Amino acid sequence: MNVTTRQGTIDDIPAIFDLIKELAIYERALDQVSNNVDKLTRDYNEKLFDFFVAESDSKIIGLSLYYFRYSTWKGKRLYMEDIIVTEEMRGNGIGKILFDATVAAAKGTGCTGMMWQVLDWNTSAVGFYRKYGTSFDNEWINCNLDF
């Protein structure tokens, strides 16, 4: 299997939205997805996020979506919103390829580090991140205010 990774483009938005829905199904939360292709396109054009895609046989099989944030203590940080790999392609090292590309983007843009979240029940993802020496925070509580 030949897998390539590249920076995403606006033409990839419909395919990455399919991956986003696939992740929501995996996390048993499809009913919570209110985003759509039009919103993603608008927000991408406004440079609110960027992404990498993984391809095999010219088909997008993975995604790493990220954006930059600012920490008062640490400075510029990259926030990785999601890594998604199609269900049939999981376990083939594609997540590692996407994660490594995202780490390289953080380093290459002068970030002081990366941040992301992982569900505590997603033991395969937790195990994956442990291999990188990831620090897991049990002290902070996630907060959301939806509009």
N, C-alpha and C. Protein backbone atom coordinates (compact mmCIF):
# COMPACT_ATOMS: atom_id res chain seq x y z
N MET A 1 0.85 -1.18 0.00
CA MET A 1 0.00 0.00 0.00
C MET A 1 0.89 1.24 0.00
N ASN A 2 0.62 2.14 -0.92
CA ASN A 2 1.38 3.38 -1.03
C ASN A 2 0.53 4.51 -0.46
N VAL A 3 1.01 5.13 0.62
CA VAL A 3 0.29 6.23 1.26
C VAL A 3 1.16 7.48 1.16
N THR A 4 0.54 8.57 0.72
CA THR A 4 1.22 9.86 0.68
C THR A 4 0.46 10.84 1.56
N THR A 5 1.19 11.80 2.08
CA THR A 5 0.59 12.85 2.90
C THR A 5 0.92 14.19 2.25
N ARG A 6 -0.07 15.07 2.26
CA ARG A 6 0.15 16.39 1.69
C ARG A 6 -0.72 17.40 2.43
N GLN A 7 -0.38 18.68 2.24
CA GLN A 7 -1.21 19.75 2.77
C GLN A 7 -2.56 19.70 2.05
N GLY A 8 -3.64 19.87 2.80
CA GLY A 8 -4.96 19.84 2.20
C GLY A 8 -5.24 21.09 1.39
N THR A 9 -6.21 20.98 0.50
CA THR A 9 -6.65 22.12 -0.33
C THR A 9 -8.16 22.25 -0.24
N ILE A 10 -8.66 23.35 -0.74
CA ILE A 10 -10.09 23.59 -0.71
C ILE A 10 -10.86 22.50 -1.45
N ASP A 11 -10.25 21.91 -2.46
CA ASP A 11 -10.92 20.84 -3.21
C ASP A 11 -11.11 19.58 -2.39
N ASP A 12 -10.38 19.45 -1.28
CA ASP A 12 -10.48 18.27 -0.41
C ASP A 12 -11.61 18.38 0.61
N ILE A 13 -12.24 19.53 0.71
CA ILE A 13 -13.21 19.76 1.79
C ILE A 13 -14.36 18.74 1.79
N PRO A 14 -14.98 18.43 0.65
CA PRO A 14 -16.05 17.42 0.71
C PRO A 14 -15.56 16.07 1.26
N ALA A 15 -14.37 15.65 0.86
CA ALA A 15 -13.84 14.37 1.34
C ALA A 15 -13.52 14.43 2.83
N ILE A 16 -12.99 15.56 3.30
CA ILE A 16 -12.68 15.62 4.74
C ILE A 16 -13.97 15.70 5.56
N PHE A 17 -15.02 16.29 4.99
CA PHE A 17 -16.29 16.30 5.73
C PHE A 17 -16.83 14.88 5.87
N ASP A 18 -16.64 14.05 4.87
CA ASP A 18 -17.03 12.64 5.00
C ASP A 18 -16.25 11.96 6.13
N LEU A 19 -14.96 12.29 6.26
CA LEU A 19 -14.16 11.73 7.35
C LEU A 19 -14.65 12.24 8.70
N ILE A 20 -15.02 13.51 8.77
CA ILE A 20 -15.53 14.09 10.01
C ILE A 20 -16.80 13.35 10.44
N LYS A 21 -17.68 13.07 9.50
CA LYS A 21 -18.90 12.33 9.83
C LYS A 21 -18.57 10.90 10.26
N GLU A 22 -17.58 10.29 9.62
CA GLU A 22 -17.18 8.94 10.01
C GLU A 22 -16.67 8.92 11.45
N LEU A 23 -15.88 9.93 11.82
CA LEU A 23 -15.41 10.02 13.20
C LEU A 23 -16.57 10.20 14.16
N ALA A 24 -17.52 11.04 13.80
CA ALA A 24 -18.68 11.27 14.67
C ALA A 24 -19.47 9.98 14.87
N ILE A 25 -19.58 9.17 13.84
CA ILE A 25 -20.26 7.88 13.98
C ILE A 25 -19.47 6.98 14.93
N TYR A 26 -18.15 6.94 14.76
CA TYR A 26 -17.28 6.14 15.63
C TYR A 26 -17.42 6.57 17.09
N GLU A 27 -17.54 7.88 17.32
CA GLU A 27 -17.66 8.41 18.68
C GLU A 27 -19.11 8.46 19.16
N ARG A 28 -20.01 7.88 18.38
CA ARG A 28 -21.43 7.80 18.74
C ARG A 28 -22.04 9.19 18.94
N ALA A 29 -21.70 10.12 18.05
CA ALA A 29 -22.14 11.51 18.23
C ALA A 29 -22.49 12.20 16.90
N LEU A 30 -22.94 11.43 15.91
CA LEU A 30 -23.26 12.03 14.62
C LEU A 30 -24.31 13.13 14.75
N ASP A 31 -25.22 12.97 15.68
CA ASP A 31 -26.28 13.96 15.88
C ASP A 31 -25.74 15.31 16.37
N GLN A 32 -24.49 15.34 16.80
CA GLN A 32 -23.90 16.58 17.30
C GLN A 32 -23.15 17.37 16.22
N VAL A 33 -23.03 16.80 15.03
CA VAL A 33 -22.32 17.48 13.94
C VAL A 33 -23.26 18.50 13.30
N SER A 34 -22.92 19.77 13.46
CA SER A 34 -23.70 20.83 12.81
C SER A 34 -22.90 21.51 11.70
N ASN A 35 -21.66 21.12 11.55
CA ASN A 35 -20.83 21.67 10.48
C ASN A 35 -21.27 21.10 9.15
N ASN A 36 -20.84 21.70 8.05
CA ASN A 36 -21.14 21.18 6.72
C ASN A 36 -20.05 21.67 5.76
N VAL A 37 -20.14 21.23 4.52
CA VAL A 37 -19.13 21.57 3.52
C VAL A 37 -19.05 23.08 3.31
N ASP A 38 -20.19 23.75 3.25
CA ASP A 38 -20.17 25.20 3.04
C ASP A 38 -19.47 25.93 4.17
N LYS A 39 -19.75 25.56 5.42
CA LYS A 39 -19.10 26.21 6.57
C LYS A 39 -17.61 25.92 6.58
N LEU A 40 -17.25 24.68 6.32
CA LEU A 40 -15.83 24.32 6.27
C LEU A 40 -15.11 25.13 5.20
N THR A 41 -15.73 25.26 4.03
CA THR A 41 -15.13 26.01 2.94
C THR A 41 -14.94 27.47 3.33
N ARG A 42 -15.98 28.07 3.91
CA ARG A 42 -15.89 29.47 4.34
C ARG A 42 -14.78 29.65 5.37
N ASP A 43 -14.75 28.77 6.37
CA ASP A 43 -13.77 28.89 7.45
C ASP A 43 -12.35 28.61 6.96
N TYR A 44 -12.21 27.70 6.00
CA TYR A 44 -10.89 27.45 5.42
C TYR A 44 -10.43 28.69 4.66
N ASN A 45 -11.33 29.29 3.90
CA ASN A 45 -10.98 30.51 3.17
C ASN A 45 -10.61 31.66 4.10
N GLU A 46 -11.17 31.67 5.30
CA GLU A 46 -10.84 32.69 6.30
C GLU A 46 -9.61 32.30 7.11
N LYS A 47 -8.97 31.20 6.73
CA LYS A 47 -7.74 30.72 7.37
C LYS A 47 -7.91 30.42 8.86
N LEU A 48 -9.10 29.89 9.20
CA LEU A 48 -9.36 29.52 10.60
C LEU A 48 -8.76 28.17 10.95
N PHE A 49 -8.46 27.36 9.95
CA PHE A 49 -7.83 26.06 10.19
C PHE A 49 -7.04 25.67 8.95
N ASP A 50 -6.21 24.65 9.13
CA ASP A 50 -5.49 24.05 8.02
C ASP A 50 -5.51 22.54 8.25
N PHE A 51 -5.04 21.78 7.28
CA PHE A 51 -5.11 20.34 7.45
C PHE A 51 -4.15 19.62 6.51
N PHE A 52 -3.81 18.41 6.91
CA PHE A 52 -3.09 17.47 6.09
C PHE A 52 -4.04 16.34 5.71
N VAL A 53 -3.83 15.77 4.53
CA VAL A 53 -4.58 14.58 4.16
C VAL A 53 -3.60 13.46 3.85
N ALA A 54 -4.04 12.25 4.08
CA ALA A 54 -3.31 11.05 3.67
C ALA A 54 -4.11 10.43 2.54
N GLU A 55 -3.40 10.03 1.49
CA GLU A 55 -4.05 9.45 0.31
C GLU A 55 -3.44 8.10 -0.02
N SER A 56 -4.28 7.24 -0.56
CA SER A 56 -3.85 5.98 -1.13
C SER A 56 -4.67 5.78 -2.40
N ASP A 57 -4.00 5.50 -3.49
CA ASP A 57 -4.66 5.34 -4.79
C ASP A 57 -5.56 6.53 -5.10
N SER A 58 -5.06 7.73 -4.84
CA SER A 58 -5.76 9.00 -5.11
C SER A 58 -7.05 9.18 -4.31
N LYS A 59 -7.22 8.38 -3.25
CA LYS A 59 -8.40 8.50 -2.39
C LYS A 59 -7.94 9.00 -1.02
N ILE A 60 -8.64 10.00 -0.48
CA ILE A 60 -8.31 10.51 0.85
C ILE A 60 -8.77 9.51 1.89
N ILE A 61 -7.82 9.06 2.71
CA ILE A 61 -8.11 8.04 3.72
C ILE A 61 -7.81 8.54 5.13
N GLY A 62 -7.29 9.76 5.24
CA GLY A 62 -6.96 10.28 6.56
C GLY A 62 -6.85 11.79 6.55
N LEU A 63 -6.94 12.35 7.75
CA LEU A 63 -6.97 13.80 7.93
C LEU A 63 -6.37 14.16 9.27
N SER A 64 -5.61 15.23 9.30
CA SER A 64 -5.21 15.90 10.54
C SER A 64 -5.60 17.36 10.38
N LEU A 65 -6.55 17.82 11.17
CA LEU A 65 -7.03 19.20 11.10
C LEU A 65 -6.50 19.95 12.32
N TYR A 66 -5.94 21.14 12.08
CA TYR A 66 -5.31 21.89 13.16
C TYR A 66 -5.48 23.39 12.96
N TYR A 67 -5.19 24.11 14.02
CA TYR A 67 -5.17 25.58 13.96
C TYR A 67 -4.22 26.07 15.04
N PHE A 68 -3.93 27.35 15.00
CA PHE A 68 -2.99 27.91 15.97
C PHE A 68 -3.76 28.64 17.06
N ARG A 69 -3.24 28.55 18.25
CA ARG A 69 -3.81 29.26 19.40
C ARG A 69 -2.67 29.93 20.15
N TYR A 70 -3.02 30.70 21.14
CA TYR A 70 -1.99 31.41 21.87
C TYR A 70 -2.16 31.16 23.37
N SER A 71 -1.10 30.77 24.01
CA SER A 71 -1.08 30.54 25.45
C SER A 71 -0.37 31.70 26.14
N THR A 72 -1.00 32.24 27.17
CA THR A 72 -0.35 33.33 27.89
C THR A 72 0.93 32.87 28.56
N TRP A 73 1.04 31.59 28.86
CA TRP A 73 2.24 31.08 29.50
C TRP A 73 3.28 30.57 28.52
N LYS A 74 2.84 30.02 27.39
CA LYS A 74 3.76 29.32 26.49
C LYS A 74 3.94 30.00 25.13
N GLY A 75 3.04 30.90 24.75
CA GLY A 75 3.13 31.53 23.42
C GLY A 75 2.37 30.74 22.38
N LYS A 76 2.87 30.79 21.15
CA LYS A 76 2.18 30.16 20.02
C LYS A 76 2.16 28.64 20.16
N ARG A 77 0.96 28.07 20.04
CA ARG A 77 0.78 26.62 20.15
C ARG A 77 -0.05 26.14 18.96
N LEU A 78 0.17 24.93 18.54
CA LEU A 78 -0.67 24.33 17.52
C LEU A 78 -1.70 23.46 18.24
N TYR A 79 -2.96 23.64 17.90
CA TYR A 79 -4.01 22.79 18.46
C TYR A 79 -4.47 21.85 17.36
N MET A 80 -4.27 20.56 17.60
CA MET A 80 -4.71 19.54 16.66
C MET A 80 -6.14 19.15 17.04
N GLU A 81 -7.07 19.54 16.21
CA GLU A 81 -8.48 19.27 16.49
C GLU A 81 -8.80 17.79 16.35
N ASP A 82 -8.34 17.19 15.28
CA ASP A 82 -8.64 15.76 15.06
C ASP A 82 -7.63 15.13 14.13
N ILE A 83 -7.35 13.87 14.40
CA ILE A 83 -6.74 12.97 13.41
C ILE A 83 -7.82 11.94 13.13
N ILE A 84 -8.10 11.75 11.86
CA ILE A 84 -9.13 10.78 11.47
C ILE A 84 -8.55 9.90 10.36
N VAL A 85 -8.71 8.61 10.52
CA VAL A 85 -8.33 7.65 9.49
C VAL A 85 -9.56 6.78 9.25
N THR A 86 -9.85 6.51 7.98
CA THR A 86 -11.02 5.67 7.67
C THR A 86 -10.90 4.35 8.42
N GLU A 87 -12.06 3.83 8.80
CA GLU A 87 -12.08 2.62 9.61
C GLU A 87 -11.31 1.47 8.98
N GLU A 88 -11.46 1.28 7.67
CA GLU A 88 -10.80 0.14 7.03
C GLU A 88 -9.29 0.31 6.92
N MET A 89 -8.80 1.54 7.12
CA MET A 89 -7.36 1.79 7.00
C MET A 89 -6.66 1.95 8.35
N ARG A 90 -7.42 1.90 9.44
CA ARG A 90 -6.80 2.04 10.76
C ARG A 90 -5.86 0.87 11.02
N GLY A 91 -4.80 1.15 11.76
CA GLY A 91 -3.83 0.11 12.11
C GLY A 91 -2.72 -0.06 11.09
N ASN A 92 -2.67 0.82 10.09
CA ASN A 92 -1.65 0.73 9.04
C ASN A 92 -0.59 1.82 9.13
N GLY A 93 -0.54 2.54 10.24
CA GLY A 93 0.48 3.57 10.42
C GLY A 93 0.12 4.93 9.83
N ILE A 94 -1.09 5.07 9.33
CA ILE A 94 -1.49 6.33 8.70
C ILE A 94 -1.64 7.44 9.74
N GLY A 95 -2.17 7.11 10.91
CA GLY A 95 -2.27 8.10 11.99
C GLY A 95 -0.90 8.63 12.37
N LYS A 96 0.10 7.75 12.41
CA LYS A 96 1.46 8.17 12.73
C LYS A 96 2.00 9.13 11.67
N ILE A 97 1.75 8.83 10.40
CA ILE A 97 2.21 9.70 9.31
C ILE A 97 1.59 11.08 9.46
N LEU A 98 0.28 11.13 9.73
CA LEU A 98 -0.41 12.41 9.88
C LEU A 98 0.05 13.15 11.13
N PHE A 99 0.22 12.42 12.22
CA PHE A 99 0.67 13.04 13.47
C PHE A 99 2.07 13.63 13.29
N ASP A 100 2.96 12.88 12.66
CA ASP A 100 4.32 13.37 12.44
C ASP A 100 4.32 14.61 11.55
N ALA A 101 3.45 14.64 10.53
CA ALA A 101 3.36 15.83 9.67
C ALA A 101 2.87 17.03 10.48
N THR A 102 1.95 16.80 11.40
CA THR A 102 1.41 17.88 12.22
C THR A 102 2.46 18.39 13.20
N VAL A 103 3.20 17.49 13.81
CA VAL A 103 4.30 17.89 14.69
C VAL A 103 5.31 18.73 13.90
N ALA A 104 5.65 18.29 12.70
CA ALA A 104 6.60 19.05 11.87
C ALA A 104 6.06 20.43 11.54
N ALA A 105 4.75 20.54 11.29
CA ALA A 105 4.15 21.85 11.01
C ALA A 105 4.25 22.75 12.23
N ALA A 106 4.02 22.19 13.41
CA ALA A 106 4.12 22.98 14.65
C ALA A 106 5.55 23.50 14.83
N LYS A 107 6.50 22.61 14.68
CA LYS A 107 7.90 23.02 14.83
C LYS A 107 8.31 24.01 13.75
N GLY A 108 7.86 23.78 12.53
CA GLY A 108 8.24 24.62 11.41
C GLY A 108 7.64 26.01 11.43
N THR A 109 6.61 26.21 12.23
CA THR A 109 5.97 27.53 12.32
C THR A 109 6.28 28.21 13.65
N GLY A 110 7.26 27.70 14.36
CA GLY A 110 7.71 28.36 15.58
C GLY A 110 6.84 28.15 16.79
N CYS A 111 6.05 27.10 16.80
CA CYS A 111 5.21 26.81 17.97
C CYS A 111 6.07 26.29 19.12
N THR A 112 5.61 26.55 20.32
CA THR A 112 6.30 26.04 21.51
C THR A 112 5.80 24.66 21.89
N GLY A 113 4.78 24.16 21.21
CA GLY A 113 4.25 22.84 21.48
C GLY A 113 2.91 22.63 20.79
N MET A 114 2.33 21.47 21.06
CA MET A 114 1.06 21.07 20.48
C MET A 114 0.10 20.66 21.58
N MET A 115 -1.17 20.82 21.30
CA MET A 115 -2.20 20.40 22.24
C MET A 115 -3.31 19.69 21.47
N TRP A 116 -4.01 18.80 22.14
CA TRP A 116 -5.16 18.12 21.57
C TRP A 116 -5.91 17.42 22.68
N GLN A 117 -7.03 16.83 22.36
CA GLN A 117 -7.81 16.06 23.32
C GLN A 117 -7.97 14.65 22.80
N VAL A 118 -8.18 13.73 23.71
CA VAL A 118 -8.49 12.35 23.34
C VAL A 118 -9.51 11.83 24.35
N LEU A 119 -10.49 11.10 23.86
CA LEU A 119 -11.50 10.52 24.74
C LEU A 119 -10.86 9.44 25.61
N ASP A 120 -11.20 9.42 26.88
CA ASP A 120 -10.57 8.46 27.79
C ASP A 120 -10.90 7.01 27.44
N TRP A 121 -12.03 6.76 26.79
CA TRP A 121 -12.39 5.39 26.42
C TRP A 121 -11.72 4.93 25.13
N ASN A 122 -11.06 5.85 24.41
CA ASN A 122 -10.40 5.50 23.16
C ASN A 122 -8.98 5.01 23.47
N THR A 123 -8.92 3.79 24.00
CA THR A 123 -7.65 3.26 24.51
C THR A 123 -6.60 3.10 23.41
N SER A 124 -7.01 2.82 22.18
CA SER A 124 -6.01 2.70 21.12
C SER A 124 -5.36 4.05 20.84
N ALA A 125 -6.14 5.13 20.86
CA ALA A 125 -5.57 6.46 20.65
C ALA A 125 -4.70 6.88 21.83
N VAL A 126 -5.14 6.59 23.04
CA VAL A 126 -4.34 6.92 24.22
C VAL A 126 -3.00 6.19 24.15
N GLY A 127 -3.03 4.92 23.80
CA GLY A 127 -1.80 4.16 23.66
C GLY A 127 -0.89 4.71 22.58
N PHE A 128 -1.49 5.14 21.47
CA PHE A 128 -0.73 5.75 20.38
C PHE A 128 0.00 6.99 20.87
N TYR A 129 -0.71 7.88 21.57
CA TYR A 129 -0.10 9.13 22.02
C TYR A 129 0.94 8.89 23.11
N ARG A 130 0.77 7.86 23.91
CA ARG A 130 1.77 7.53 24.94
C ARG A 130 3.14 7.25 24.32
N LYS A 131 3.15 6.68 23.12
CA LYS A 131 4.41 6.36 22.44
C LYS A 131 5.24 7.62 22.15
N TYR A 132 4.59 8.76 22.12
CA TYR A 132 5.28 10.02 21.85
C TYR A 132 5.70 10.73 23.14
N GLY A 133 5.42 10.13 24.29
CA GLY A 133 5.75 10.79 25.55
C GLY A 133 4.77 11.90 25.90
N THR A 134 3.55 11.76 25.45
CA THR A 134 2.52 12.76 25.68
C THR A 134 2.21 12.90 27.17
N SER A 135 2.01 14.13 27.61
CA SER A 135 1.53 14.38 28.98
C SER A 135 0.02 14.43 28.95
N PHE A 136 -0.61 13.68 29.83
CA PHE A 136 -2.06 13.66 29.95
C PHE A 136 -2.45 14.47 31.17
N ASP A 137 -3.41 15.35 31.01
CA ASP A 137 -3.80 16.27 32.07
C ASP A 137 -5.10 15.79 32.73
N ASN A 138 -5.01 15.45 33.98
CA ASN A 138 -6.20 15.04 34.73
C ASN A 138 -6.72 16.15 35.62
N GLU A 139 -6.13 17.32 35.52
CA GLU A 139 -6.47 18.42 36.42
C GLU A 139 -7.47 19.39 35.81
N TRP A 140 -7.34 19.69 34.52
CA TRP A 140 -8.19 20.68 33.88
C TRP A 140 -9.50 20.07 33.44
N ILE A 141 -10.55 20.82 33.53
CA ILE A 141 -11.88 20.40 33.10
C ILE A 141 -12.19 21.12 31.79
N ASN A 142 -12.59 20.34 30.80
CA ASN A 142 -12.99 20.93 29.51
C ASN A 142 -14.29 21.70 29.69
N CYS A 143 -14.35 22.88 29.11
CA CYS A 143 -15.55 23.70 29.18
C CYS A 143 -15.99 24.07 27.78
N ASN A 144 -17.29 24.13 27.56
CA ASN A 144 -17.84 24.51 26.27
C ASN A 144 -19.00 25.44 26.48
N LEU A 145 -19.14 26.38 25.58
CA LEU A 145 -20.30 27.25 25.55
C LEU A 145 -20.74 27.30 24.10
N ASP A 146 -21.83 26.59 23.80
CA ASP A 146 -22.32 26.52 22.42
C ASP A 146 -23.32 27.62 22.15
N PHE A 147 -23.31 28.11 20.93
CA PHE A 147 -24.25 29.15 20.52
C PHE A 147 -25.09 28.66 19.37
